Amino acid sequence: HLPQERVMMALTLTLVKGVCEQAPRLLRKLFHTALQYINPAR
């Protein structure tokens, strides 16, 4: 029932947060990976 683009972005960030809470050392690279995934044109 929600806009799927927003759900997809929230899901992406939820996965990033879940992984990085378990393995904080992955945050920096995963942040940039997620930024590239969310905003590929830039």
PDB file of all heavy atoms in Angstrom:
ATOM      1  N   HIS A   1       0.807  -1.218   0.000  1.00  0.00           N
ATOM      2  CA  HIS A   1       0.000   0.000   0.000  1.00  0.00           C
ATOM      3  C   HIS A   1       0.847   1.277   0.000  1.00  0.00           C
ATOM      4  O   HIS A   1       0.314   2.364  -0.210  1.00  0.00           O
ATOM      5  CB  HIS A   1      -0.956   0.004   1.201  1.00  0.00           C
ATOM      6  CG  HIS A   1      -0.245   0.013   2.519  1.00  0.00           C
ATOM      7  ND1 HIS A   1       0.387  -1.107   3.041  1.00  0.00           N
ATOM      8  CD2 HIS A   1      -0.061   1.008   3.418  1.00  0.00           C
ATOM      9  CE1 HIS A   1       0.929  -0.792   4.203  1.00  0.00           C
ATOM     10  NE2 HIS A   1       0.671   0.476   4.461  1.00  0.00           N
ATOM     11  N   LEU A   2       2.148   1.146   0.216  1.00  0.00           N
ATOM     12  CA  LEU A   2       3.043   2.304   0.254  1.00  0.00           C
ATOM     13  C   LEU A   2       3.779   2.445  -1.077  1.00  0.00           C
ATOM     14  O   LEU A   2       3.931   1.466  -1.816  1.00  0.00           O
ATOM     15  CB  LEU A   2       4.064   2.129   1.385  1.00  0.00           C
ATOM     16  CG  LEU A   2       3.501   2.102   2.793  1.00  0.00           C
ATOM     17  CD1 LEU A   2       4.595   1.765   3.798  1.00  0.00           C
ATOM     18  CD2 LEU A   2       2.859   3.435   3.140  1.00  0.00           C
ATOM     19  N   PRO A   3       4.285   3.660  -1.378  1.00  0.00           N
ATOM     20  CA  PRO A   3       5.066   3.839  -2.606  1.00  0.00           C
ATOM     21  C   PRO A   3       6.286   2.899  -2.588  1.00  0.00           C
ATOM     22  O   PRO A   3       7.093   2.936  -1.653  1.00  0.00           O
ATOM     23  CB  PRO A   3       5.500   5.301  -2.553  1.00  0.00           C
ATOM     24  CG  PRO A   3       4.549   5.966  -1.603  1.00  0.00           C
ATOM     25  CD  PRO A   3       4.117   4.906  -0.635  1.00  0.00           C
ATOM     26  N   GLN A   4       6.387   2.063  -3.597  1.00  0.00           N
ATOM     27  CA  GLN A   4       7.400   1.006  -3.601  1.00  0.00           C
ATOM     28  C   GLN A   4       8.830   1.537  -3.669  1.00  0.00           C
ATOM     29  O   GLN A   4       9.746   0.907  -3.150  1.00  0.00           O
ATOM     30  CB  GLN A   4       7.128   0.014  -4.728  1.00  0.00           C
ATOM     31  CG  GLN A   4       5.867  -0.798  -4.495  1.00  0.00           C
ATOM     32  CD  GLN A   4       5.890  -1.534  -3.162  1.00  0.00           C
ATOM     33  OE1 GLN A   4       6.616  -2.497  -2.993  1.00  0.00           O
ATOM     34  NE2 GLN A   4       5.088  -1.079  -2.199  1.00  0.00           N
ATOM     35  N   GLU A   5       9.029   2.702  -4.271  1.00  0.00           N
ATOM     36  CA  GLU A   5      10.371   3.294  -4.292  1.00  0.00           C
ATOM     37  C   GLU A   5      10.841   3.602  -2.873  1.00  0.00           C
ATOM     38  O   GLU A   5      11.990   3.361  -2.515  1.00  0.00           O
ATOM     39  CB  GLU A   5      10.370   4.560  -5.147  1.00  0.00           C
ATOM     40  CG  GLU A   5      11.739   5.198  -5.267  1.00  0.00           C
ATOM     41  CD  GLU A   5      11.715   6.411  -6.168  1.00  0.00           C
ATOM     42  OE1 GLU A   5      11.513   6.244  -7.388  1.00  0.00           O
ATOM     43  OE2 GLU A   5      11.905   7.533  -5.639  1.00  0.00           O
ATOM     44  N   ARG A   6       9.939   4.123  -2.053  1.00  0.00           N
ATOM     45  CA  ARG A   6      10.288   4.423  -0.656  1.00  0.00           C
ATOM     46  C   ARG A   6      10.498   3.146   0.154  1.00  0.00           C
ATOM     47  O   ARG A   6      11.381   3.075   0.990  1.00  0.00           O
ATOM     48  CB  ARG A   6       9.214   5.288  -0.015  1.00  0.00           C
ATOM     49  CG  ARG A   6       9.244   6.699  -0.530  1.00  0.00           C
ATOM     50  CD  ARG A   6       8.254   7.558   0.179  1.00  0.00           C
ATOM     51  NE  ARG A   6       8.251   8.862  -0.458  1.00  0.00           N
ATOM     52  CZ  ARG A   6       7.918   9.967   0.158  1.00  0.00           C
ATOM     53  NH1 ARG A   6       7.545   9.921   1.422  1.00  0.00           N
ATOM     54  NH2 ARG A   6       7.943  11.106  -0.468  1.00  0.00           N
ATOM     55  N   VAL A   7       9.656   2.161  -0.089  1.00  0.00           N
ATOM     56  CA  VAL A   7       9.816   0.878   0.599  1.00  0.00           C
ATOM     57  C   VAL A   7      11.169   0.280   0.249  1.00  0.00           C
ATOM     58  O   VAL A   7      11.888  -0.208   1.119  1.00  0.00           O
ATOM     59  CB  VAL A   7       8.670  -0.102   0.240  1.00  0.00           C
ATOM     60  CG1 VAL A   7       8.944  -1.494   0.788  1.00  0.00           C
ATOM     61  CG2 VAL A   7       7.342   0.431   0.748  1.00  0.00           C
ATOM     62  N   MET A   8      11.537   0.363  -1.029  1.00  0.00           N
ATOM     63  CA  MET A   8      12.813  -0.182  -1.478  1.00  0.00           C
ATOM     64  C   MET A   8      13.993   0.549  -0.823  1.00  0.00           C
ATOM     65  O   MET A   8      14.962  -0.077  -0.400  1.00  0.00           O
ATOM     66  CB  MET A   8      12.895  -0.071  -3.002  1.00  0.00           C
ATOM     67  CG  MET A   8      13.833  -1.001  -3.646  1.00  0.00           C
ATOM     68  SD  MET A   8      13.551  -0.786  -5.423  1.00  0.00           S
ATOM     69  CE  MET A   8      14.047  -2.351  -5.976  1.00  0.00           C
ATOM     70  N   MET A   9      13.895   1.860  -0.711  1.00  0.00           N
ATOM     71  CA  MET A   9      14.960   2.633  -0.070  1.00  0.00           C
ATOM     72  C   MET A   9      15.028   2.319   1.428  1.00  0.00           C
ATOM     73  O   MET A   9      16.107   2.131   1.978  1.00  0.00           O
ATOM     74  CB  MET A   9      14.760   4.124  -0.291  1.00  0.00           C
ATOM     75  CG  MET A   9      15.925   4.952   0.203  1.00  0.00           C
ATOM     76  SD  MET A   9      15.834   6.624  -0.433  1.00  0.00           S
ATOM     77  CE  MET A   9      17.255   7.352   0.337  1.00  0.00           C
ATOM     78  N   ALA A  10      13.865   2.247   2.077  1.00  0.00           N
ATOM     79  CA  ALA A  10      13.844   1.910   3.507  1.00  0.00           C
ATOM     80  C   ALA A  10      14.397   0.508   3.730  1.00  0.00           C
ATOM     81  O   ALA A  10      15.150   0.272   4.685  1.00  0.00           O
ATOM     82  CB  ALA A  10      12.428   2.018   4.064  1.00  0.00           C
ATOM     83  N   LEU A  11      14.049  -0.415   2.856  1.00  0.00           N
ATOM     84  CA  LEU A  11      14.569  -1.780   2.955  1.00  0.00           C
ATOM     85  C   LEU A  11      16.078  -1.792   2.782  1.00  0.00           C
ATOM     86  O   LEU A  11      16.797  -2.431   3.556  1.00  0.00           O
ATOM     87  CB  LEU A  11      13.901  -2.675   1.905  1.00  0.00           C
ATOM     88  CG  LEU A  11      14.441  -4.102   1.779  1.00  0.00           C
ATOM     89  CD1 LEU A  11      14.291  -4.863   3.096  1.00  0.00           C
ATOM     90  CD2 LEU A  11      13.733  -4.828   0.639  1.00  0.00           C
ATOM     91  N   THR A  12      16.572  -1.065   1.802  1.00  0.00           N
ATOM     92  CA  THR A  12      18.017  -0.978   1.564  1.00  0.00           C
ATOM     93  C   THR A  12      18.733  -0.465   2.805  1.00  0.00           C
ATOM     94  O   THR A  12      19.712  -1.056   3.259  1.00  0.00           O
ATOM     95  CB  THR A  12      18.312  -0.059   0.357  1.00  0.00           C
ATOM     96  OG1 THR A  12      17.670  -0.594  -0.796  1.00  0.00           O
ATOM     97  CG2 THR A  12      19.798   0.077   0.116  1.00  0.00           C
ATOM     98  N   LEU A  13      18.236   0.624   3.359  1.00  0.00           N
ATOM     99  CA  LEU A  13      18.884   1.210   4.535  1.00  0.00           C
ATOM    100  C   LEU A  13      18.728   0.324   5.766  1.00  0.00           C
ATOM    101  O   LEU A  13      19.623   0.273   6.617  1.00  0.00           O
ATOM    102  CB  LEU A  13      18.328   2.615   4.787  1.00  0.00           C
ATOM    103  CG  LEU A  13      18.644   3.627   3.680  1.00  0.00           C
ATOM    104  CD1 LEU A  13      17.989   4.959   3.973  1.00  0.00           C
ATOM    105  CD2 LEU A  13      20.141   3.777   3.486  1.00  0.00           C
ATOM    106  N   THR A  14      17.623  -0.398   5.863  1.00  0.00           N
ATOM    107  CA  THR A  14      17.427  -1.337   6.964  1.00  0.00           C
ATOM    108  C   THR A  14      18.448  -2.467   6.880  1.00  0.00           C
ATOM    109  O   THR A  14      19.026  -2.876   7.899  1.00  0.00           O
ATOM    110  CB  THR A  14      15.992  -1.897   6.938  1.00  0.00           C
ATOM    111  OG1 THR A  14      15.076  -0.805   7.089  1.00  0.00           O
ATOM    112  CG2 THR A  14      15.768  -2.916   8.046  1.00  0.00           C
ATOM    113  N   LEU A  15      18.693  -2.961   5.685  1.00  0.00           N
ATOM    114  CA  LEU A  15      19.704  -4.013   5.501  1.00  0.00           C
ATOM    115  C   LEU A  15      21.092  -3.492   5.843  1.00  0.00           C
ATOM    116  O   LEU A  15      21.863  -4.167   6.537  1.00  0.00           O
ATOM    117  CB  LEU A  15      19.676  -4.556   4.067  1.00  0.00           C
ATOM    118  CG  LEU A  15      18.412  -5.297   3.643  1.00  0.00           C
ATOM    119  CD1 LEU A  15      18.502  -5.712   2.177  1.00  0.00           C
ATOM    120  CD2 LEU A  15      18.139  -6.490   4.528  1.00  0.00           C
ATOM    121  N   VAL A  16      21.415  -2.292   5.366  1.00  0.00           N
ATOM    122  CA  VAL A  16      22.716  -1.688   5.665  1.00  0.00           C
ATOM    123  C   VAL A  16      22.889  -1.533   7.170  1.00  0.00           C
ATOM    124  O   VAL A  16      23.916  -1.918   7.737  1.00  0.00           O
ATOM    125  CB  VAL A  16      22.875  -0.322   4.953  1.00  0.00           C
ATOM    126  CG1 VAL A  16      24.083   0.444   5.479  1.00  0.00           C
ATOM    127  CG2 VAL A  16      22.977  -0.523   3.445  1.00  0.00           C
ATOM    128  N   LYS A  17      21.875  -1.001   7.827  1.00  0.00           N
ATOM    129  CA  LYS A  17      21.951  -0.793   9.276  1.00  0.00           C
ATOM    130  C   LYS A  17      22.077  -2.129  10.011  1.00  0.00           C
ATOM    131  O   LYS A  17      22.896  -2.263  10.922  1.00  0.00           O
ATOM    132  CB  LYS A  17      20.730  -0.025   9.771  1.00  0.00           C
ATOM    133  CG  LYS A  17      20.808   0.344  11.237  1.00  0.00           C
ATOM    134  CD  LYS A  17      19.673   1.266  11.633  1.00  0.00           C
ATOM    135  CE  LYS A  17      19.843   1.709  13.079  1.00  0.00           C
ATOM    136  NZ  LYS A  17      18.846   2.725  13.438  1.00  0.00           N
ATOM    137  N   GLY A  18      21.287  -3.120   9.602  1.00  0.00           N
ATOM    138  CA  GLY A  18      21.352  -4.425  10.252  1.00  0.00           C
ATOM    139  C   GLY A  18      22.719  -5.071  10.132  1.00  0.00           C
ATOM    140  O   GLY A  18      23.253  -5.614  11.107  1.00  0.00           O
ATOM    141  N   VAL A  19      23.301  -5.005   8.946  1.00  0.00           N
ATOM    142  CA  VAL A  19      24.637  -5.575   8.737  1.00  0.00           C
ATOM    143  C   VAL A  19      25.667  -4.815   9.570  1.00  0.00           C
ATOM    144  O   VAL A  19      26.510  -5.419  10.242  1.00  0.00           O
ATOM    145  CB  VAL A  19      25.020  -5.550   7.242  1.00  0.00           C
ATOM    146  CG1 VAL A  19      26.506  -5.825   7.043  1.00  0.00           C
ATOM    147  CG2 VAL A  19      24.181  -6.551   6.459  1.00  0.00           C
ATOM    148  N   CYS A  20      25.604  -3.495   9.534  1.00  0.00           N
ATOM    149  CA  CYS A  20      26.626  -2.683  10.200  1.00  0.00           C
ATOM    150  C   CYS A  20      26.500  -2.680  11.718  1.00  0.00           C
ATOM    151  O   CYS A  20      27.493  -2.488  12.414  1.00  0.00           O
ATOM    152  CB  CYS A  20      26.620  -1.272   9.640  1.00  0.00           C
ATOM    153  SG  CYS A  20      27.144  -1.236   7.916  1.00  0.00           S
ATOM    154  N   GLU A  21      25.307  -2.910  12.240  1.00  0.00           N
ATOM    155  CA  GLU A  21      25.184  -3.071  13.687  1.00  0.00           C
ATOM    156  C   GLU A  21      25.882  -4.345  14.133  1.00  0.00           C
ATOM    157  O   GLU A  21      26.452  -4.392  15.223  1.00  0.00           O
ATOM    158  CB  GLU A  21      23.716  -3.098  14.104  1.00  0.00           C
ATOM    159  CG  GLU A  21      23.066  -1.732  14.087  1.00  0.00           C
ATOM    160  CD  GLU A  21      21.593  -1.766  14.462  1.00  0.00           C
ATOM    161  OE1 GLU A  21      20.925  -2.799  14.266  1.00  0.00           O
ATOM    162  OE2 GLU A  21      21.102  -0.730  14.935  1.00  0.00           O
ATOM    163  N   GLN A  22      25.859  -5.363  13.293  1.00  0.00           N
ATOM    164  CA  GLN A  22      26.527  -6.622  13.612  1.00  0.00           C
ATOM    165  C   GLN A  22      28.024  -6.561  13.311  1.00  0.00           C
ATOM    166  O   GLN A  22      28.818  -7.216  13.991  1.00  0.00           O
ATOM    167  CB  GLN A  22      25.911  -7.766  12.798  1.00  0.00           C
ATOM    168  CG  GLN A  22      24.468  -8.032  13.116  1.00  0.00           C
ATOM    169  CD  GLN A  22      23.850  -9.016  12.133  1.00  0.00           C
ATOM    170  OE1 GLN A  22      24.537  -9.733  11.420  1.00  0.00           O
ATOM    171  NE2 GLN A  22      22.527  -9.051  12.089  1.00  0.00           N
ATOM    172  N   ALA A  23      28.392  -5.826  12.274  1.00  0.00           N
ATOM    173  CA  ALA A  23      29.793  -5.741  11.839  1.00  0.00           C
ATOM    174  C   ALA A  23      30.118  -4.284  11.493  1.00  0.00           C
ATOM    175  O   ALA A  23      30.169  -3.908  10.314  1.00  0.00           O
ATOM    176  CB  ALA A  23      30.026  -6.656  10.633  1.00  0.00           C
ATOM    177  N   PRO A  24      30.320  -3.430  12.504  1.00  0.00           N
ATOM    178  CA  PRO A  24      30.528  -2.001  12.267  1.00  0.00           C
ATOM    179  C   PRO A  24      31.680  -1.675  11.319  1.00  0.00           C
ATOM    180  O   PRO A  24      31.647  -0.661  10.634  1.00  0.00           O
ATOM    181  CB  PRO A  24      30.813  -1.448  13.675  1.00  0.00           C
ATOM    182  CG  PRO A  24      30.176  -2.418  14.598  1.00  0.00           C
ATOM    183  CD  PRO A  24      30.308  -3.759  13.933  1.00  0.00           C
ATOM    184  N   ARG A  25      32.660  -2.540  11.229  1.00  0.00           N
ATOM    185  CA  ARG A  25      33.804  -2.278  10.358  1.00  0.00           C
ATOM    186  C   ARG A  25      33.405  -2.204   8.887  1.00  0.00           C
ATOM    187  O   ARG A  25      34.139  -1.676   8.056  1.00  0.00           O
ATOM    188  CB  ARG A  25      34.881  -3.333  10.565  1.00  0.00           C
ATOM    189  CG  ARG A  25      34.504  -4.695  10.030  1.00  0.00           C
ATOM    190  CD  ARG A  25      35.492  -5.796  10.376  1.00  0.00           C
ATOM    191  NE  ARG A  25      35.203  -7.039   9.719  1.00  0.00           N
ATOM    192  CZ  ARG A  25      34.167  -7.822   9.958  1.00  0.00           C
ATOM    193  NH1 ARG A  25      33.288  -7.481  10.889  1.00  0.00           N
ATOM    194  NH2 ARG A  25      33.988  -8.942   9.300  1.00  0.00           N
ATOM    195  N   LEU A  26      32.229  -2.722   8.545  1.00  0.00           N
ATOM    196  CA  LEU A  26      31.761  -2.714   7.161  1.00  0.00           C
ATOM    197  C   LEU A  26      31.053  -1.406   6.792  1.00  0.00           C
ATOM    198  O   LEU A  26      30.744  -1.188   5.620  1.00  0.00           O
ATOM    199  CB  LEU A  26      30.808  -3.887   6.906  1.00  0.00           C
ATOM    200  CG  LEU A  26      31.355  -5.289   7.157  1.00  0.00           C
ATOM    201  CD1 LEU A  26      30.263  -6.329   6.922  1.00  0.00           C
ATOM    202  CD2 LEU A  26      32.564  -5.566   6.287  1.00  0.00           C
ATOM    203  N   LEU A  27      30.788  -0.544   7.771  1.00  0.00           N
ATOM    204  CA  LEU A  27      29.953   0.633   7.543  1.00  0.00           C
ATOM    205  C   LEU A  27      30.456   1.530   6.425  1.00  0.00           C
ATOM    206  O   LEU A  27      29.699   1.889   5.528  1.00  0.00           O
ATOM    207  CB  LEU A  27      29.807   1.456   8.827  1.00  0.00           C
ATOM    208  CG  LEU A  27      29.014   2.759   8.676  1.00  0.00           C
ATOM    209  CD1 LEU A  27      27.574   2.485   8.287  1.00  0.00           C
ATOM    210  CD2 LEU A  27      29.070   3.568   9.946  1.00  0.00           C
ATOM    211  N   ARG A  28      31.693   1.921   6.467  1.00  0.00           N
ATOM    212  CA  ARG A  28      32.211   2.911   5.517  1.00  0.00           C
ATOM    213  C   ARG A  28      32.015   2.451   4.064  1.00  0.00           C
ATOM    214  O   ARG A  28      31.449   3.158   3.243  1.00  0.00           O
ATOM    215  CB  ARG A  28      33.682   3.175   5.820  1.00  0.00           C
ATOM    216  CG  ARG A  28      34.284   4.318   5.075  1.00  0.00           C
ATOM    217  CD  ARG A  28      35.655   4.630   5.636  1.00  0.00           C
ATOM    218  NE  ARG A  28      35.617   4.890   7.060  1.00  0.00           N
ATOM    219  CZ  ARG A  28      35.316   6.068   7.610  1.00  0.00           C
ATOM    220  NH1 ARG A  28      35.028   7.081   6.850  1.00  0.00           N
ATOM    221  NH2 ARG A  28      35.303   6.225   8.916  1.00  0.00           N
ATOM    222  N   LYS A  29      32.466   1.240   3.772  1.00  0.00           N
ATOM    223  CA  LYS A  29      32.347   0.732   2.400  1.00  0.00           C
ATOM    224  C   LYS A  29      30.893   0.465   2.030  1.00  0.00           C
ATOM    225  O   LYS A  29      30.475   0.733   0.900  1.00  0.00           O
ATOM    226  CB  LYS A  29      33.175  -0.538   2.219  1.00  0.00           C
ATOM    227  CG  LYS A  29      34.660  -0.295   2.157  1.00  0.00           C
ATOM    228  CD  LYS A  29      35.412  -1.588   1.914  1.00  0.00           C
ATOM    229  CE  LYS A  29      36.903  -1.359   1.950  1.00  0.00           C
ATOM    230  NZ  LYS A  29      37.641  -2.628   1.834  1.00  0.00           N
ATOM    231  N   LEU A  30      30.121  -0.061   2.967  1.00  0.00           N
ATOM    232  CA  LEU A  30      28.728  -0.369   2.672  1.00  0.00           C
ATOM    233  C   LEU A  30      27.907   0.912   2.508  1.00  0.00           C
ATOM    234  O   LEU A  30      26.988   0.961   1.690  1.00  0.00           O
ATOM    235  CB  LEU A  30      28.126  -1.275   3.746  1.00  0.00           C
ATOM    236  CG  LEU A  30      26.749  -1.858   3.453  1.00  0.00           C
ATOM    237  CD1 LEU A  30      26.691  -2.539   2.082  1.00  0.00           C
ATOM    238  CD2 LEU A  30      26.347  -2.833   4.546  1.00  0.00           C
ATOM    239  N   PHE A  31      28.237   1.957   3.245  1.00  0.00           N
ATOM    240  CA  PHE A  31      27.565   3.247   3.082  1.00  0.00           C
ATOM    241  C   PHE A  31      27.744   3.738   1.653  1.00  0.00           C
ATOM    242  O   PHE A  31      26.780   4.134   0.986  1.00  0.00           O
ATOM    243  CB  PHE A  31      28.126   4.276   4.083  1.00  0.00           C
ATOM    244  CG  PHE A  31      27.477   5.626   3.982  1.00  0.00           C
ATOM    245  CD1 PHE A  31      26.355   5.918   4.737  1.00  0.00           C
ATOM    246  CD2 PHE A  31      27.992   6.607   3.156  1.00  0.00           C
ATOM    247  CE1 PHE A  31      25.749   7.167   4.663  1.00  0.00           C
ATOM    248  CE2 PHE A  31      27.394   7.857   3.066  1.00  0.00           C
ATOM    249  CZ  PHE A  31      26.274   8.136   3.825  1.00  0.00           C
ATOM    250  N   HIS A  32      28.972   3.717   1.162  1.00  0.00           N
ATOM    251  CA  HIS A  32      29.248   4.179  -0.198  1.00  0.00           C
ATOM    252  C   HIS A  32      28.596   3.265  -1.242  1.00  0.00           C
ATOM    253  O   HIS A  32      28.111   3.744  -2.269  1.00  0.00           O
ATOM    254  CB  HIS A  32      30.755   4.303  -0.430  1.00  0.00           C
ATOM    255  CG  HIS A  32      31.346   5.470   0.304  1.00  0.00           C
ATOM    256  ND1 HIS A  32      31.121   6.774  -0.064  1.00  0.00           N
ATOM    257  CD2 HIS A  32      32.135   5.520   1.392  1.00  0.00           C
ATOM    258  CE1 HIS A  32      31.748   7.593   0.770  1.00  0.00           C
ATOM    259  NE2 HIS A  32      32.367   6.852   1.661  1.00  0.00           N
ATOM    260  N   THR A  33      28.568   1.973  -0.961  1.00  0.00           N
ATOM    261  CA  THR A  33      27.898   1.026  -1.862  1.00  0.00           C
ATOM    262  C   THR A  33      26.407   1.329  -1.933  1.00  0.00           C
ATOM    263  O   THR A  33      25.825   1.381  -3.018  1.00  0.00           O
ATOM    264  CB  THR A  33      28.125  -0.419  -1.373  1.00  0.00           C
ATOM    265  OG1 THR A  33      29.530  -0.694  -1.396  1.00  0.00           O
ATOM    266  CG2 THR A  33      27.391  -1.417  -2.246  1.00  0.00           C
ATOM    267  N   ALA A  34      25.790   1.551  -0.773  1.00  0.00           N
ATOM    268  CA  ALA A  34      24.356   1.846  -0.727  1.00  0.00           C
ATOM    269  C   ALA A  34      24.060   3.188  -1.394  1.00  0.00           C
ATOM    270  O   ALA A  34      23.058   3.328  -2.100  1.00  0.00           O
ATOM    271  CB  ALA A  34      23.849   1.838   0.713  1.00  0.00           C
ATOM    272  N   LEU A  35      24.931   4.169  -1.192  1.00  0.00           N
ATOM    273  CA  LEU A  35      24.753   5.467  -1.835  1.00  0.00           C
ATOM    274  C   LEU A  35      24.796   5.303  -3.354  1.00  0.00           C
ATOM    275  O   LEU A  35      23.982   5.876  -4.079  1.00  0.00           O
ATOM    276  CB  LEU A  35      25.828   6.446  -1.365  1.00  0.00           C
ATOM    277  CG  LEU A  35      25.721   7.878  -1.880  1.00  0.00           C
ATOM    278  CD1 LEU A  35      24.409   8.514  -1.441  1.00  0.00           C
ATOM    279  CD2 LEU A  35      26.903   8.697  -1.377  1.00  0.00           C
ATOM    280  N   GLN A  36      25.704   4.489  -3.826  1.00  0.00           N
ATOM    281  CA  GLN A  36      25.810   4.213  -5.262  1.00  0.00           C
ATOM    282  C   GLN A  36      24.563   3.477  -5.753  1.00  0.00           C
ATOM    283  O   GLN A  36      24.041   3.761  -6.830  1.00  0.00           O
ATOM    284  CB  GLN A  36      27.059   3.381  -5.529  1.00  0.00           C
ATOM    285  CG  GLN A  36      27.348   3.132  -6.984  1.00  0.00           C
ATOM    286  CD  GLN A  36      28.589   2.285  -7.170  1.00  0.00           C
ATOM    287  OE1 GLN A  36      28.901   1.442  -6.334  1.00  0.00           O
ATOM    288  NE2 GLN A  36      29.269   2.504  -8.265  1.00  0.00           N
ATOM    289  N   TYR A  37      24.056   2.545  -4.963  1.00  0.00           N
ATOM    290  CA  TYR A  37      22.854   1.790  -5.321  1.00  0.00           C
ATOM    291  C   TYR A  37      21.619   2.693  -5.366  1.00  0.00           C
ATOM    292  O   TYR A  37      20.829   2.635  -6.295  1.00  0.00           O
ATOM    293  CB  TYR A  37      22.647   0.651  -4.318  1.00  0.00           C
ATOM    294  CG  TYR A  37      21.364  -0.126  -4.520  1.00  0.00           C
ATOM    295  CD1 TYR A  37      21.208  -0.992  -5.592  1.00  0.00           C
ATOM    296  CD2 TYR A  37      20.308   0.014  -3.629  1.00  0.00           C
ATOM    297  CE1 TYR A  37      20.028  -1.705  -5.773  1.00  0.00           C
ATOM    298  CE2 TYR A  37      19.131  -0.699  -3.798  1.00  0.00           C
ATOM    299  CZ  TYR A  37      18.996  -1.555  -4.874  1.00  0.00           C
ATOM    300  OH  TYR A  37      17.829  -2.244  -5.061  1.00  0.00           O
ATOM    301  N   ILE A  38      21.482   3.548  -4.357  1.00  0.00           N
ATOM    302  CA  ILE A  38      20.317   4.428  -4.247  1.00  0.00           C
ATOM    303  C   ILE A  38      20.365   5.558  -5.276  1.00  0.00           C
ATOM    304  O   ILE A  38      19.350   5.961  -5.814  1.00  0.00           O
ATOM    305  CB  ILE A  38      20.220   5.006  -2.817  1.00  0.00           C
ATOM    306  CG1 ILE A  38      19.799   3.900  -1.857  1.00  0.00           C
ATOM    307  CG2 ILE A  38      19.270   6.179  -2.751  1.00  0.00           C
ATOM    308  CD1 ILE A  38      19.930   4.265  -0.402  1.00  0.00           C
ATOM    309  N   ASN A  39      21.541   6.046  -5.543  1.00  0.00           N
ATOM    310  CA  ASN A  39      21.701   7.216  -6.390  1.00  0.00           C
ATOM    311  C   ASN A  39      22.693   6.918  -7.524  1.00  0.00           C
ATOM    312  O   ASN A  39      23.718   7.580  -7.625  1.00  0.00           O
ATOM    313  CB  ASN A  39      22.204   8.373  -5.505  1.00  0.00           C
ATOM    314  CG  ASN A  39      21.885   9.716  -6.060  1.00  0.00           C
ATOM    315  OD1 ASN A  39      21.262   9.852  -7.102  1.00  0.00           O
ATOM    316  ND2 ASN A  39      22.340  10.746  -5.362  1.00  0.00           N
ATOM    317  N   PRO A  40      22.418   5.934  -8.398  1.00  0.00           N
ATOM    318  CA  PRO A  40      23.400   5.485  -9.383  1.00  0.00           C
ATOM    319  C   PRO A  40      23.789   6.534 -10.411  1.00  0.00           C
ATOM    320  O   PRO A  40      24.925   6.544 -10.888  1.00  0.00           O
ATOM    321  CB  PRO A  40      22.723   4.290 -10.061  1.00  0.00           C
ATOM    322  CG  PRO A  40      21.272   4.496  -9.858  1.00  0.00           C
ATOM    323  CD  PRO A  40      21.153   5.236  -8.546  1.00  0.00           C
ATOM    324  N   ALA A  41      22.910   7.456 -10.747  1.00  0.00           N
ATOM    325  CA  ALA A  41      23.222   8.454 -11.751  1.00  0.00           C
ATOM    326  C   ALA A  41      24.325   9.396 -11.288  1.00  0.00           C
ATOM    327  O   ALA A  41      25.059   9.950 -12.090  1.00  0.00           O
ATOM    328  CB  ALA A  41      21.974   9.253 -12.101  1.00  0.00           C
ATOM    329  N   ARG A  42      24.444   9.574  -9.980  1.00  0.00           N
ATOM    330  CA  ARG A  42      25.436  10.505  -9.454  1.00  0.00           C
ATOM    331  C   ARG A  42      26.687   9.802  -8.925  1.00  0.00           C
ATOM    332  O   ARG A  42      27.615  10.439  -8.484  1.00  0.00           O
ATOM    333  CB  ARG A  42      24.829  11.337  -8.329  1.00  0.00           C
ATOM    334  CG  ARG A  42      23.641  12.144  -8.794  1.00  0.00           C
ATOM    335  CD  ARG A  42      23.309  13.168  -7.749  1.00  0.00           C
ATOM    336  NE  ARG A  42      22.020  13.772  -7.926  1.00  0.00           N
ATOM    337  CZ  ARG A  42      21.749  14.719  -8.805  1.00  0.00           C
ATOM    338  NH1 ARG A  42      22.680  15.135  -9.604  1.00  0.00           N
ATOM    339  NH2 ARG A  42      20.550  15.246  -8.885  1.00  0.00           N
TER     340      ARG A  42
END
